[in-house]
C-alpha atoms as a PDB file:
ATOM      1  CA  MET A   1      19.863 -37.498  -1.056  1.00  0.00           C
ATOM      2  CA  ALA A   2      21.946 -34.672   0.390  1.00  0.00           C
ATOM      3  CA  GLU A   3      21.343 -30.939   0.263  1.00  0.00           C
ATOM      4  CA  HIS A   4      23.808 -28.085   0.847  1.00  0.00           C
ATOM      5  CA  GLN A   5      23.992 -24.327   0.404  1.00  0.00           C
ATOM      6  CA  ILE A   6      26.964 -23.129  -1.650  1.00  0.00           C
ATOM      7  CA  ARG A   7      28.276 -19.913  -3.153  1.00  0.00           C
ATOM      8  CA  LEU A   8      30.281 -19.824  -6.386  1.00  0.00           C
ATOM      9  CA  ASN A   9      31.940 -16.408  -6.604  1.00  0.00           C
ATOM     10  CA  ALA A  10      33.892 -16.625  -9.859  1.00  0.00           C
ATOM     11  CA  ALA A  11      33.960 -18.447 -13.182  1.00  0.00           C
ATOM     12  CA  GLU A  12      36.918 -20.501 -11.926  1.00  0.00           C
ATOM     13  CA  ASP A  13      34.789 -21.701  -8.991  1.00  0.00           C
ATOM     14  CA  VAL A  14      32.057 -22.754 -11.421  1.00  0.00           C
ATOM     15  CA  LYS A  15      34.593 -24.601 -13.574  1.00  0.00           C
ATOM     16  CA  GLU A  16      35.980 -26.490 -10.554  1.00  0.00           C
ATOM     17  CA  PHE A  17      32.473 -27.364  -9.344  1.00  0.00           C
ATOM     18  CA  VAL A  18      31.304 -28.614 -12.769  1.00  0.00           C
ATOM     19  CA  ASN A  19      34.477 -30.679 -13.259  1.00  0.00           C
ATOM     20  CA  ALA A  20      33.870 -32.392  -9.918  1.00  0.00           C
ATOM     21  CA  ALA A  21      30.182 -32.928 -10.721  1.00  0.00           C
ATOM     22  CA  ASN A  22      30.992 -34.501 -14.089  1.00  0.00           C
ATOM     23  CA  LYS A  23      33.074 -37.179 -12.346  1.00  0.00           C
ATOM     24  CA  CYS A  24      29.974 -38.376 -10.460  1.00  0.00           C
ATOM     25  CA  ASP A  25      27.653 -41.070 -11.799  1.00  0.00           C
ATOM     26  CA  PHE A  26      24.551 -39.681 -10.060  1.00  0.00           C
ATOM     27  CA  ASP A  27      22.252 -36.702 -10.595  1.00  0.00           C
ATOM     28  CA  ILE A  28      23.210 -33.311  -9.171  1.00  0.00           C
ATOM     29  CA  ASP A  29      20.854 -30.332  -9.326  1.00  0.00           C
ATOM     30  CA  ILE A  30      21.295 -26.681  -8.377  1.00  0.00           C
ATOM     31  CA  PHE A  31      18.271 -24.669  -7.243  1.00  0.00           C
ATOM     32  CA  TYR A  32      17.650 -20.965  -6.917  1.00  0.00           C
ATOM     33  CA  ASN A  33      14.055 -19.818  -6.368  1.00  0.00           C
ATOM     34  CA  ARG A  34      12.100 -21.821  -8.963  1.00  0.00           C
ATOM     35  CA  ILE A  35      15.032 -22.385 -11.295  1.00  0.00           C
ATOM     36  CA  ILE A  36      16.538 -25.875 -11.438  1.00  0.00           C
ATOM     37  CA  ILE A  37      19.801 -26.406 -13.321  1.00  0.00           C
ATOM     38  CA  ASP A  38      21.770 -29.580 -13.984  1.00  0.00           C
ATOM     39  CA  ALA A  39      25.015 -29.105 -12.042  1.00  0.00           C
ATOM     40  CA  LYS A  40      26.970 -30.770 -14.844  1.00  0.00           C
ATOM     41  CA  SER A  41      26.125 -27.864 -17.198  1.00  0.00           C
ATOM     42  CA  ILE A  42      28.683 -25.070 -17.012  1.00  0.00           C
ATOM     43  CA  LEU A  43      26.553 -22.766 -19.166  1.00  0.00           C
ATOM     44  CA  GLY A  44      23.510 -23.443 -17.025  1.00  0.00           C
ATOM     45  CA  ILE A  45      25.329 -22.505 -13.832  1.00  0.00           C
ATOM     46  CA  LEU A  46      26.929 -19.423 -15.386  1.00  0.00           C
ATOM     47  CA  SER A  47      23.445 -18.245 -16.396  1.00  0.00           C
ATOM     48  CA  MET A  48      22.384 -18.156 -12.728  1.00  0.00           C
ATOM     49  CA  ASP A  49      22.815 -15.226 -10.347  1.00  0.00           C
ATOM     50  CA  LEU A  50      26.137 -16.158  -8.738  1.00  0.00           C
ATOM     51  CA  THR A  51      25.824 -13.425  -6.116  1.00  0.00           C
ATOM     52  CA  ARG A  52      23.204 -15.569  -4.354  1.00  0.00           C
ATOM     53  CA  GLU A  53      23.446 -18.705  -2.274  1.00  0.00           C
ATOM     54  CA  LEU A  54      22.584 -21.770  -4.342  1.00  0.00           C
ATOM     55  CA  THR A  55      21.081 -25.020  -3.093  1.00  0.00           C
ATOM     56  CA  VAL A  56      22.725 -28.225  -4.323  1.00  0.00           C
ATOM     57  CA  LYS A  57      20.880 -31.536  -4.141  1.00  0.00           C
ATOM     58  CA  TYR A  58      22.657 -34.736  -5.065  1.00  0.00           C
ATOM     59  CA  TYR A  59      21.601 -38.340  -5.027  1.00  0.00           C
ATOM     60  CA  GLY A  60      24.784 -40.310  -4.370  1.00  0.00           C
ATOM     61  CA  GLU A  61      28.186 -40.240  -2.700  1.00  0.00           C
ATOM     62  CA  ASN A  62      31.586 -39.278  -4.086  1.00  0.00           C
ATOM     63  CA  PRO A  63      34.478 -38.247  -1.789  1.00  0.00           C
ATOM     64  CA  GLY A  64      35.940 -35.830  -4.355  1.00  0.00           C
ATOM     65  CA  PHE A  65      32.612 -34.121  -4.896  1.00  0.00           C
ATOM     66  CA  ASN A  66      31.989 -33.932  -1.149  1.00  0.00           C
ATOM     67  CA  ALA A  67      35.313 -32.093  -0.782  1.00  0.00           C
ATOM     68  CA  VAL A  68      34.285 -29.544  -3.418  1.00  0.00           C
ATOM     69  CA  ILE A  69      30.911 -29.051  -1.710  1.00  0.00           C
ATOM     70  CA  ALA A  70      32.732 -28.444   1.585  1.00  0.00           C
ATOM     71  CA  LYS A  71      35.020 -25.886  -0.087  1.00  0.00           C
ATOM     72  CA  PHE A  72      32.111 -23.785  -1.406  1.00  0.00           C
ATOM     73  CA  ALA A  73      29.695 -24.379   1.505  1.00  0.00           C
ATOM     74  CA  VAL A  74      28.038 -21.383   3.111  1.00  0.00           C
ATOM     75  CA  GLY A  75      27.882 -21.196   6.873  1.00  0.00           C
END
């Protein structure tokens, strides 16, 4: 399992993130406070407060997805 902090600032960022997540064959979750959203759900992510840092937990490895995580990583 890996965990990273990301920030998605625009709808286009969300679209890119979800497209990368959908290419993975493992579970990916996004957390904010007590809310847990499936990262493969574009509507779920858009319903979150995108002005905040989000925590992504994923349970596998995919080089393409890792590149997207690095692009949106905070810090």
